[in-house]
Full PDB file with SEQRES, HELIX, SHEET, SSBOND, CRYST1, ORIGX, SCALE, CONECT and MASTER records, all heavy atoms in Angstrom:
SEQRES   1 A   36  ASP ASP LEU ASP TRP ASP ASP GLU VAL ARG LEU LEU LEU          
SEQRES   2 A   36  GLU GLU ARG ASN SER PHE SER PRO ASP ALA LEU THR GLY          
SEQRES   3 A   36  LEU GLU ALA ASN CYS ARG TYR ALA GLY PRO                      
HELIX    1 AA1 ASP A    2  SER A   18  1                                  17    
HELIX    2 AA2 PRO A   21  ARG A   32  1                                  12    
CRYST1    1.000    1.000    1.000  90.00  90.00  90.00 P 1           1          
ORIGX1      1.000000  0.000000  0.000000        0.00000                         
ORIGX2      0.000000  1.000000  0.000000        0.00000                         
ORIGX3      0.000000  0.000000  1.000000        0.00000                         
SCALE1      1.000000  0.000000  0.000000        0.00000                         
SCALE2      0.000000  1.000000  0.000000        0.00000                         
SCALE3      0.000000  0.000000  1.000000        0.00000                         
ATOM      1  N   ASP A   1       1.559  -8.044 -11.285  1.00  0.00           N  
ATOM      2  CA  ASP A   1       2.156  -9.361 -11.042  1.00  0.00           C  
ATOM      3  C   ASP A   1       2.851  -9.368  -9.686  1.00  0.00           C  
ATOM      4  O   ASP A   1       2.918  -8.342  -8.990  1.00  0.00           O  
ATOM      5  CB  ASP A   1       3.122  -9.733 -12.170  1.00  0.00           C  
ATOM      6  CG  ASP A   1       4.290  -8.762 -12.324  1.00  0.00           C  
ATOM      7  OD1 ASP A   1       4.606  -8.032 -11.349  1.00  0.00           O  
ATOM      8  OD2 ASP A   1       4.888  -8.724 -13.409  1.00  0.00           O  
ATOM      9  N   ASP A   2       3.351 -10.526  -9.317  1.00  0.00           N  
ATOM     10  CA  ASP A   2       3.936 -10.697  -7.990  1.00  0.00           C  
ATOM     11  C   ASP A   2       5.128  -9.768  -7.766  1.00  0.00           C  
ATOM     12  O   ASP A   2       5.374  -9.319  -6.647  1.00  0.00           O  
ATOM     13  CB  ASP A   2       4.358 -12.165  -7.806  1.00  0.00           C  
ATOM     14  CG  ASP A   2       4.971 -12.428  -6.454  1.00  0.00           C  
ATOM     15  OD1 ASP A   2       4.352 -12.050  -5.438  1.00  0.00           O  
ATOM     16  OD2 ASP A   2       6.076 -12.995  -6.394  1.00  0.00           O  
ATOM     17  N   LEU A   3       5.861  -9.467  -8.833  1.00  0.00           N  
ATOM     18  CA  LEU A   3       7.048  -8.624  -8.704  1.00  0.00           C  
ATOM     19  C   LEU A   3       6.696  -7.220  -8.214  1.00  0.00           C  
ATOM     20  O   LEU A   3       7.431  -6.617  -7.421  1.00  0.00           O  
ATOM     21  CB  LEU A   3       7.775  -8.543 -10.054  1.00  0.00           C  
ATOM     22  CG  LEU A   3       9.126  -7.826 -10.075  1.00  0.00           C  
ATOM     23  CD1 LEU A   3      10.123  -8.561  -9.191  1.00  0.00           C  
ATOM     24  CD2 LEU A   3       9.652  -7.717 -11.497  1.00  0.00           C  
ATOM     25  N   ASP A   4       5.572  -6.698  -8.661  1.00  0.00           N  
ATOM     26  CA  ASP A   4       5.186  -5.323  -8.332  1.00  0.00           C  
ATOM     27  C   ASP A   4       4.144  -5.219  -7.224  1.00  0.00           C  
ATOM     28  O   ASP A   4       3.879  -4.118  -6.727  1.00  0.00           O  
ATOM     29  CB  ASP A   4       4.637  -4.611  -9.587  1.00  0.00           C  
ATOM     30  CG  ASP A   4       5.685  -4.470 -10.676  1.00  0.00           C  
ATOM     31  OD1 ASP A   4       6.865  -4.282 -10.334  1.00  0.00           O  
ATOM     32  OD2 ASP A   4       5.320  -4.566 -11.866  1.00  0.00           O  
ATOM     33  N   TRP A   5       3.534  -6.338  -6.871  1.00  0.00           N  
ATOM     34  CA  TRP A   5       2.346  -6.316  -6.013  1.00  0.00           C  
ATOM     35  C   TRP A   5       2.577  -5.582  -4.701  1.00  0.00           C  
ATOM     36  O   TRP A   5       1.857  -4.634  -4.360  1.00  0.00           O  
ATOM     37  CB  TRP A   5       1.874  -7.736  -5.765  1.00  0.00           C  
ATOM     38  CG  TRP A   5       0.669  -7.822  -4.881  1.00  0.00           C  
ATOM     39  CD1 TRP A   5       0.627  -8.137  -3.552  1.00  0.00           C  
ATOM     40  CD2 TRP A   5      -0.693  -7.568  -5.262  1.00  0.00           C  
ATOM     41  NE1 TRP A   5      -0.666  -8.109  -3.085  1.00  0.00           N  
ATOM     42  CE2 TRP A   5      -1.497  -7.759  -4.103  1.00  0.00           C  
ATOM     43  CE3 TRP A   5      -1.313  -7.197  -6.456  1.00  0.00           C  
ATOM     44  CZ2 TRP A   5      -2.884  -7.598  -4.128  1.00  0.00           C  
ATOM     45  CZ3 TRP A   5      -2.686  -7.036  -6.472  1.00  0.00           C  
ATOM     46  CH2 TRP A   5      -3.458  -7.230  -5.323  1.00  0.00           C  
ATOM     47  N   ASP A   6       3.542  -6.004  -3.921  1.00  0.00           N  
ATOM     48  CA  ASP A   6       3.733  -5.434  -2.585  1.00  0.00           C  
ATOM     49  C   ASP A   6       4.005  -3.930  -2.644  1.00  0.00           C  
ATOM     50  O   ASP A   6       3.480  -3.155  -1.828  1.00  0.00           O  
ATOM     51  CB  ASP A   6       4.880  -6.139  -1.858  1.00  0.00           C  
ATOM     52  CG  ASP A   6       4.517  -7.569  -1.464  1.00  0.00           C  
ATOM     53  OD1 ASP A   6       3.306  -7.879  -1.389  1.00  0.00           O  
ATOM     54  OD2 ASP A   6       5.441  -8.383  -1.249  1.00  0.00           O  
ATOM     55  N   ASP A   7       4.819  -3.502  -3.616  1.00  0.00           N  
ATOM     56  CA  ASP A   7       5.141  -2.074  -3.725  1.00  0.00           C  
ATOM     57  C   ASP A   7       3.918  -1.264  -4.132  1.00  0.00           C  
ATOM     58  O   ASP A   7       3.683  -0.160  -3.609  1.00  0.00           O  
ATOM     59  CB  ASP A   7       6.261  -1.855  -4.745  1.00  0.00           C  
ATOM     60  CG  ASP A   7       7.620  -2.243  -4.193  1.00  0.00           C  
ATOM     61  OD1 ASP A   7       7.775  -2.288  -2.957  1.00  0.00           O  
ATOM     62  OD2 ASP A   7       8.529  -2.510  -5.006  1.00  0.00           O  
ATOM     63  N   GLU A   8       3.125  -1.778  -5.061  1.00  0.00           N  
ATOM     64  CA  GLU A   8       1.952  -1.043  -5.528  1.00  0.00           C  
ATOM     65  C   GLU A   8       0.912  -0.910  -4.417  1.00  0.00           C  
ATOM     66  O   GLU A   8       0.294   0.147  -4.254  1.00  0.00           O  
ATOM     67  CB  GLU A   8       1.333  -1.730  -6.752  1.00  0.00           C  
ATOM     68  CG  GLU A   8       2.207  -1.681  -7.998  1.00  0.00           C  
ATOM     69  CD  GLU A   8       2.409  -0.274  -8.536  1.00  0.00           C  
ATOM     70  OE1 GLU A   8       1.641   0.637  -8.150  1.00  0.00           O  
ATOM     71  OE2 GLU A   8       3.325  -0.074  -9.349  1.00  0.00           O  
ATOM     72  N   VAL A   9       0.720  -1.981  -3.648  1.00  0.00           N  
ATOM     73  CA  VAL A   9      -0.227  -1.917  -2.535  1.00  0.00           C  
ATOM     74  C   VAL A   9       0.261  -0.916  -1.491  1.00  0.00           C  
ATOM     75  O   VAL A   9      -0.513  -0.076  -0.994  1.00  0.00           O  
ATOM     76  CB  VAL A   9      -0.424  -3.306  -1.901  1.00  0.00           C  
ATOM     77  CG1 VAL A   9      -1.229  -3.203  -0.609  1.00  0.00           C  
ATOM     78  CG2 VAL A   9      -1.117  -4.243  -2.889  1.00  0.00           C  
ATOM     79  N   ARG A  10       1.544  -0.976  -1.172  1.00  0.00           N  
ATOM     80  CA  ARG A  10       2.097  -0.053  -0.172  1.00  0.00           C  
ATOM     81  C   ARG A  10       1.955   1.392  -0.630  1.00  0.00           C  
ATOM     82  O   ARG A  10       1.542   2.266   0.159  1.00  0.00           O  
ATOM     83  CB  ARG A  10       3.573  -0.385   0.075  1.00  0.00           C  
ATOM     84  CG  ARG A  10       4.277   0.599   1.026  1.00  0.00           C  
ATOM     85  CD  ARG A  10       5.740   0.235   1.196  1.00  0.00           C  
ATOM     86  NE  ARG A  10       6.454   0.183  -0.065  1.00  0.00           N  
ATOM     87  CZ  ARG A  10       6.916   1.233  -0.719  1.00  0.00           C  
ATOM     88  NH1 ARG A  10       6.712   2.462  -0.236  1.00  0.00           N  
ATOM     89  NH2 ARG A  10       7.559   1.104  -1.862  1.00  0.00           N  
ATOM     90  N   LEU A  11       2.263   1.660  -1.889  1.00  0.00           N  
ATOM     91  CA  LEU A  11       2.176   3.028  -2.400  1.00  0.00           C  
ATOM     92  C   LEU A  11       0.733   3.540  -2.372  1.00  0.00           C  
ATOM     93  O   LEU A  11       0.485   4.711  -2.051  1.00  0.00           O  
ATOM     94  CB  LEU A  11       2.726   3.099  -3.827  1.00  0.00           C  
ATOM     95  CG  LEU A  11       4.244   2.949  -3.960  1.00  0.00           C  
ATOM     96  CD1 LEU A  11       4.636   2.822  -5.425  1.00  0.00           C  
ATOM     97  CD2 LEU A  11       4.966   4.129  -3.311  1.00  0.00           C  
ATOM     98  N   LEU A  12      -0.214   2.669  -2.694  1.00  0.00           N  
ATOM     99  CA  LEU A  12      -1.618   3.072  -2.651  1.00  0.00           C  
ATOM    100  C   LEU A  12      -2.027   3.456  -1.234  1.00  0.00           C  
ATOM    101  O   LEU A  12      -2.646   4.499  -1.008  1.00  0.00           O  
ATOM    102  CB  LEU A  12      -2.503   1.934  -3.155  1.00  0.00           C  
ATOM    103  CG  LEU A  12      -4.012   2.095  -2.928  1.00  0.00           C  
ATOM    104  CD1 LEU A  12      -4.541   3.361  -3.590  1.00  0.00           C  
ATOM    105  CD2 LEU A  12      -4.766   0.871  -3.445  1.00  0.00           C  
ATOM    106  N   LEU A  13      -1.643   2.637  -0.261  1.00  0.00           N  
ATOM    107  CA  LEU A  13      -2.035   2.916   1.118  1.00  0.00           C  
ATOM    108  C   LEU A  13      -1.320   4.149   1.663  1.00  0.00           C  
ATOM    109  O   LEU A  13      -1.910   4.948   2.396  1.00  0.00           O  
ATOM    110  CB  LEU A  13      -1.746   1.696   1.998  1.00  0.00           C  
ATOM    111  CG  LEU A  13      -2.491   0.408   1.614  1.00  0.00           C  
ATOM    112  CD1 LEU A  13      -2.182  -0.702   2.611  1.00  0.00           C  
ATOM    113  CD2 LEU A  13      -3.994   0.650   1.520  1.00  0.00           C  
ATOM    114  N   GLU A  14      -0.058   4.332   1.294  1.00  0.00           N  
ATOM    115  CA  GLU A  14       0.670   5.526   1.737  1.00  0.00           C  
ATOM    116  C   GLU A  14       0.060   6.789   1.136  1.00  0.00           C  
ATOM    117  O   GLU A  14      -0.101   7.799   1.823  1.00  0.00           O  
ATOM    118  CB  GLU A  14       2.142   5.417   1.338  1.00  0.00           C  
ATOM    119  CG  GLU A  14       2.934   4.412   2.167  1.00  0.00           C  
ATOM    120  CD  GLU A  14       4.378   4.322   1.712  1.00  0.00           C  
ATOM    121  OE1 GLU A  14       4.705   4.883   0.630  1.00  0.00           O  
ATOM    122  OE2 GLU A  14       5.187   3.684   2.418  1.00  0.00           O  
ATOM    123  N   GLU A  15      -0.263   6.731  -0.145  1.00  0.00           N  
ATOM    124  CA  GLU A  15      -0.855   7.899  -0.806  1.00  0.00           C  
ATOM    125  C   GLU A  15      -2.194   8.255  -0.169  1.00  0.00           C  
ATOM    126  O   GLU A  15      -2.463   9.425   0.124  1.00  0.00           O  
ATOM    127  CB  GLU A  15      -1.053   7.604  -2.296  1.00  0.00           C  
ATOM    128  CG  GLU A  15      -1.698   8.754  -3.058  1.00  0.00           C  
ATOM    129  CD  GLU A  15      -2.046   8.376  -4.483  1.00  0.00           C  
ATOM    130  OE1 GLU A  15      -2.814   7.408  -4.668  1.00  0.00           O  
ATOM    131  OE2 GLU A  15      -1.560   9.053  -5.399  1.00  0.00           O  
ATOM    132  N   ARG A  16      -3.015   7.235   0.064  1.00  0.00           N  
ATOM    133  CA  ARG A  16      -4.332   7.497   0.642  1.00  0.00           C  
ATOM    134  C   ARG A  16      -4.202   8.119   2.027  1.00  0.00           C  
ATOM    135  O   ARG A  16      -4.962   9.014   2.398  1.00  0.00           O  
ATOM    136  CB  ARG A  16      -5.112   6.181   0.718  1.00  0.00           C  
ATOM    137  CG  ARG A  16      -6.609   6.353   0.647  1.00  0.00           C  
ATOM    138  CD  ARG A  16      -7.047   6.784  -0.735  1.00  0.00           C  
ATOM    139  NE  ARG A  16      -8.507   6.919  -0.808  1.00  0.00           N  
ATOM    140  CZ  ARG A  16      -9.176   7.116  -1.934  1.00  0.00           C  
ATOM    141  NH1 ARG A  16      -8.536   7.208  -3.081  1.00  0.00           N  
ATOM    142  NH2 ARG A  16     -10.490   7.238  -1.919  1.00  0.00           N  
ATOM    143  N   ASN A  17      -3.225   7.654   2.785  1.00  0.00           N  
ATOM    144  CA  ASN A  17      -3.028   8.137   4.142  1.00  0.00           C  
ATOM    145  C   ASN A  17      -2.488   9.563   4.178  1.00  0.00           C  
ATOM    146  O   ASN A  17      -2.506  10.220   5.222  1.00  0.00           O  
ATOM    147  CB  ASN A  17      -2.079   7.205   4.893  1.00  0.00           C  
ATOM    148  CG  ASN A  17      -2.126   7.405   6.387  1.00  0.00           C  
ATOM    149  OD1 ASN A  17      -3.193   7.571   6.970  1.00  0.00           O  
ATOM    150  ND2 ASN A  17      -0.966   7.402   7.029  1.00  0.00           N  
ATOM    151  N   SER A  18      -2.029  10.061   3.039  1.00  0.00           N  
ATOM    152  CA  SER A  18      -1.481  11.423   2.987  1.00  0.00           C  
ATOM    153  C   SER A  18      -2.539  12.469   2.691  1.00  0.00           C  
ATOM    154  O   SER A  18      -2.301  13.661   2.854  1.00  0.00           O  
ATOM    155  CB  SER A  18      -0.384  11.509   1.923  1.00  0.00           C  
ATOM    156  OG  SER A  18      -0.925  11.440   0.609  1.00  0.00           O  
ATOM    157  N   PHE A  19      -3.726  12.030   2.258  1.00  0.00           N  
ATOM    158  CA  PHE A  19      -4.783  12.966   1.886  1.00  0.00           C  
ATOM    159  C   PHE A  19      -5.577  13.418   3.106  1.00  0.00           C  
ATOM    160  O   PHE A  19      -5.573  12.776   4.146  1.00  0.00           O  
ATOM    161  CB  PHE A  19      -5.744  12.324   0.885  1.00  0.00           C  
ATOM    162  CG  PHE A  19      -5.128  12.010  -0.454  1.00  0.00           C  
ATOM    163  CD1 PHE A  19      -5.590  10.937  -1.196  1.00  0.00           C  
ATOM    164  CD2 PHE A  19      -4.105  12.770  -0.976  1.00  0.00           C  
ATOM    165  CE1 PHE A  19      -5.036  10.634  -2.431  1.00  0.00           C  
ATOM    166  CE2 PHE A  19      -3.541  12.486  -2.206  1.00  0.00           C  
ATOM    167  CZ  PHE A  19      -4.013  11.409  -2.934  1.00  0.00           C  
ATOM    168  N   SER A  20      -6.285  14.526   2.956  1.00  0.00           N  
ATOM    169  CA  SER A  20      -7.164  15.011   4.004  1.00  0.00           C  
ATOM    170  C   SER A  20      -8.304  14.022   4.240  1.00  0.00           C  
ATOM    171  O   SER A  20      -9.026  13.672   3.302  1.00  0.00           O  
ATOM    172  CB  SER A  20      -7.761  16.368   3.625  1.00  0.00           C  
ATOM    173  OG  SER A  20      -8.882  16.665   4.437  1.00  0.00           O  
ATOM    174  N   PRO A  21      -8.493  13.553   5.469  1.00  0.00           N  
ATOM    175  CA  PRO A  21      -9.604  12.633   5.744  1.00  0.00           C  
ATOM    176  C   PRO A  21     -10.958  13.235   5.392  1.00  0.00           C  
ATOM    177  O   PRO A  21     -11.855  12.526   4.918  1.00  0.00           O  
ATOM    178  CB  PRO A  21      -9.478  12.370   7.251  1.00  0.00           C  
ATOM    179  CG  PRO A  21      -8.050  12.655   7.575  1.00  0.00           C  
ATOM    180  CD  PRO A  21      -7.651  13.772   6.653  1.00  0.00           C  
ATOM    181  N   ASP A  22     -11.135  14.528   5.632  1.00  0.00           N  
ATOM    182  CA  ASP A  22     -12.418  15.152   5.323  1.00  0.00           C  
ATOM    183  C   ASP A  22     -12.663  15.181   3.812  1.00  0.00           C  
ATOM    184  O   ASP A  22     -13.773  14.922   3.342  1.00  0.00           O  
ATOM    185  CB  ASP A  22     -12.459  16.579   5.868  1.00  0.00           C  
ATOM    186  CG  ASP A  22     -12.338  16.620   7.380  1.00  0.00           C  
ATOM    187  OD1 ASP A  22     -12.691  15.609   8.019  1.00  0.00           O  
ATOM    188  OD2 ASP A  22     -11.891  17.646   7.924  1.00  0.00           O  
ATOM    189  N   ALA A  23     -11.638  15.520   3.045  1.00  0.00           N  
ATOM    190  CA  ALA A  23     -11.788  15.542   1.593  1.00  0.00           C  
ATOM    191  C   ALA A  23     -12.095  14.139   1.066  1.00  0.00           C  
ATOM    192  O   ALA A  23     -12.916  13.968   0.156  1.00  0.00           O  
ATOM    193  CB  ALA A  23     -10.520  16.091   0.943  1.00  0.00           C  
ATOM    194  N   LEU A  24     -11.444  13.122   1.652  1.00  0.00           N  
ATOM    195  CA  LEU A  24     -11.722  11.750   1.227  1.00  0.00           C  
ATOM    196  C   LEU A  24     -13.162  11.353   1.531  1.00  0.00           C  
ATOM    197  O   LEU A  24     -13.803  10.655   0.739  1.00  0.00           O  
ATOM    198  CB  LEU A  24     -10.760  10.779   1.920  1.00  0.00           C  
ATOM    199  CG  LEU A  24      -9.318  10.792   1.417  1.00  0.00           C  
ATOM    200  CD1 LEU A  24      -8.457   9.872   2.266  1.00  0.00           C  
ATOM    201  CD2 LEU A  24      -9.253  10.369  -0.046  1.00  0.00           C  
ATOM    202  N   THR A  25     -13.687  11.786   2.666  1.00  0.00           N  
ATOM    203  CA  THR A  25     -15.075  11.478   3.004  1.00  0.00           C  
ATOM    204  C   THR A  25     -16.020  11.999   1.927  1.00  0.00           C  
ATOM    205  O   THR A  25     -16.942  11.302   1.485  1.00  0.00           O  
ATOM    206  CB  THR A  25     -15.446  12.077   4.375  1.00  0.00           C  
ATOM    207  OG1 THR A  25     -14.691  11.421   5.398  1.00  0.00           O  
ATOM    208  CG2 THR A  25     -16.924  11.914   4.669  1.00  0.00           C  
ATOM    209  N   GLY A  26     -15.798  13.227   1.486  1.00  0.00           N  
ATOM    210  CA  GLY A  26     -16.628  13.787   0.429  1.00  0.00           C  
ATOM    211  C   GLY A  26     -16.457  13.065  -0.894  1.00  0.00           C  
ATOM    212  O   GLY A  26     -17.428  12.758  -1.587  1.00  0.00           O  
ATOM    213  N   LEU A  27     -15.218  12.774  -1.254  1.00  0.00           N  
ATOM    214  CA  LEU A  27     -14.923  12.069  -2.500  1.00  0.00           C  
ATOM    215  C   LEU A  27     -15.597  10.710  -2.528  1.00  0.00           C  
ATOM    216  O   LEU A  27     -16.320  10.366  -3.467  1.00  0.00           O  
ATOM    217  CB  LEU A  27     -13.414  11.902  -2.645  1.00  0.00           C  
ATOM    218  CG  LEU A  27     -12.927  10.934  -3.732  1.00  0.00           C  
ATOM    219  CD1 LEU A  27     -13.144  11.524  -5.101  1.00  0.00           C  
ATOM    220  CD2 LEU A  27     -11.451  10.598  -3.531  1.00  0.00           C  
ATOM    221  N   GLU A  28     -15.370   9.931  -1.479  1.00  0.00           N  
ATOM    222  CA  GLU A  28     -15.847   8.548  -1.466  1.00  0.00           C  
ATOM    223  C   GLU A  28     -17.369   8.473  -1.467  1.00  0.00           C  
ATOM    224  O   GLU A  28     -17.970   7.712  -2.224  1.00  0.00           O  
ATOM    225  CB  GLU A  28     -15.271   7.824  -0.244  1.00  0.00           C  
ATOM    226  CG  GLU A  28     -13.768   7.667  -0.313  1.00  0.00           C  
ATOM    227  CD  GLU A  28     -13.103   7.611   1.056  1.00  0.00           C  
ATOM    228  OE1 GLU A  28     -13.828   7.633   2.076  1.00  0.00           O  
ATOM    229  OE2 GLU A  28     -11.858   7.557   1.109  1.00  0.00           O  
ATOM    230  N   ALA A  29     -17.994   9.290  -0.607  1.00  0.00           N  
ATOM    231  CA  ALA A  29     -19.447   9.223  -0.498  1.00  0.00           C  
ATOM    232  C   ALA A  29     -20.120   9.607  -1.807  1.00  0.00           C  
ATOM    233  O   ALA A  29     -21.136   9.031  -2.192  1.00  0.00           O  
ATOM    234  CB  ALA A  29     -19.934  10.116   0.635  1.00  0.00           C  
ATOM    235  N   ASN A  30     -19.562  10.583  -2.505  1.00  0.00           N  
ATOM    236  CA  ASN A  30     -20.191  11.030  -3.742  1.00  0.00           C  
ATOM    237  C   ASN A  30     -19.905  10.110  -4.919  1.00  0.00           C  
ATOM    238  O   ASN A  30     -20.708  10.010  -5.843  1.00  0.00           O  
ATOM    239  CB  ASN A  30     -19.755  12.462  -4.060  1.00  0.00           C  
ATOM    240  CG  ASN A  30     -20.505  13.481  -3.238  1.00  0.00           C  
ATOM    241  OD1 ASN A  30     -21.629  13.825  -3.559  1.00  0.00           O  
ATOM    242  ND2 ASN A  30     -19.913  13.930  -2.141  1.00  0.00           N  
ATOM    243  N   CYS A  31     -18.758   9.415  -4.900  1.00  0.00           N  
ATOM    244  CA  CYS A  31     -18.430   8.514  -6.010  1.00  0.00           C  
ATOM    245  C   CYS A  31     -19.115   7.148  -5.887  1.00  0.00           C  
ATOM    246  O   CYS A  31     -19.256   6.442  -6.880  1.00  0.00           O  
ATOM    247  CB  CYS A  31     -16.918   8.305  -6.098  1.00  0.00           C  
ATOM    248  SG  CYS A  31     -16.009   9.721  -6.748  1.00  0.00           S  
ATOM    249  N   ARG A  32     -19.515   6.775  -4.693  1.00  0.00           N  
ATOM    250  CA  ARG A  32     -20.048   5.417  -4.511  1.00  0.00           C  
ATOM    251  C   ARG A  32     -21.447   5.239  -5.065  1.00  0.00           C  
ATOM    252  O   ARG A  32     -21.873   4.122  -5.305  1.00  0.00           O  
ATOM    253  CB  ARG A  32     -20.041   5.047  -3.016  1.00  0.00           C  
ATOM    254  CG  ARG A  32     -18.647   4.701  -2.530  1.00  0.00           C  
ATOM    255  CD  ARG A  32     -18.616   4.384  -1.050  1.00  0.00           C  
ATOM    256  NE  ARG A  32     -17.229   4.375  -0.582  1.00  0.00           N  
ATOM    257  CZ  ARG A  32     -16.858   4.309   0.685  1.00  0.00           C  
ATOM    258  NH1 ARG A  32     -17.780   4.253   1.635  1.00  0.00           N  
ATOM    259  NH2 ARG A  32     -15.588   4.310   1.015  1.00  0.00           N  
ATOM    260  N   TYR A  33     -22.197   6.326  -5.212  1.00  0.00           N  
ATOM    261  CA  TYR A  33     -23.600   6.191  -5.578  1.00  0.00           C  
ATOM    262  C   TYR A  33     -23.877   6.864  -6.907  1.00  0.00           C  
ATOM    263  O   TYR A  33     -24.250   8.031  -6.962  1.00  0.00           O  
ATOM    264  CB  TYR A  33     -24.493   6.790  -4.490  1.00  0.00           C  
ATOM    265  CG  TYR A  33     -24.317   6.119  -3.151  1.00  0.00           C  
ATOM    266  CD1 TYR A  33     -23.511   6.702  -2.170  1.00  0.00           C  
ATOM    267  CD2 TYR A  33     -24.933   4.916  -2.875  1.00  0.00           C  
ATOM    268  CE1 TYR A  33     -23.340   6.088  -0.941  1.00  0.00           C  
ATOM    269  CE2 TYR A  33     -24.763   4.294  -1.652  1.00  0.00           C  
ATOM    270  CZ  TYR A  33     -23.969   4.882  -0.686  1.00  0.00           C  
ATOM    271  OH  TYR A  33     -23.799   4.270   0.525  1.00  0.00           O  
ATOM    272  N   ALA A  34     -23.698   6.118  -7.976  1.00  0.00           N  
ATOM    273  CA  ALA A  34     -24.138   6.593  -9.282  1.00  0.00           C  
ATOM    274  C   ALA A  34     -25.617   6.255  -9.433  1.00  0.00           C  
ATOM    275  O   ALA A  34     -26.194   5.542  -8.624  1.00  0.00           O  
ATOM    276  CB  ALA A  34     -23.324   5.923 -10.377  1.00  0.00           C  
ATOM    277  N   GLY A  35     -26.230   6.791 -10.497  1.00  0.00           N  
ATOM    278  CA  GLY A  35     -27.605   6.407 -10.768  1.00  0.00           C  
ATOM    279  C   GLY A  35     -28.642   7.233 -10.043  1.00  0.00           C  
ATOM    280  O   GLY A  35     -28.409   8.402  -9.709  1.00  0.00           O  
ATOM    281  N   PRO A  36     -29.805   6.650  -9.762  1.00  0.00           N  
ATOM    282  CA  PRO A  36     -30.931   7.423  -9.213  1.00  0.00           C  
ATOM    283  C   PRO A  36     -30.611   8.012  -7.847  1.00  0.00           C  
ATOM    284  O   PRO A  36     -29.936   7.390  -7.027  1.00  0.00           O  
ATOM    285  CB  PRO A  36     -32.048   6.372  -9.092  1.00  0.00           C  
ATOM    286  CG  PRO A  36     -31.633   5.241  -9.963  1.00  0.00           C  
ATOM    287  CD  PRO A  36     -30.155   5.238  -9.971  1.00  0.00           C  
TER     288      PRO A  36                                                      
MASTER        0    0    0    2    0    0    0    6  287    1    0    3          
END                                                                             
């Protein structure tokens, strides 16, 4: 809801920015393509 929105978005972006960019590249590329 509106009460939590700004904080939750900020926390998500801060958390993502704290991870290794290389590890994220592997995570994202492998999770995006399910199926054949």
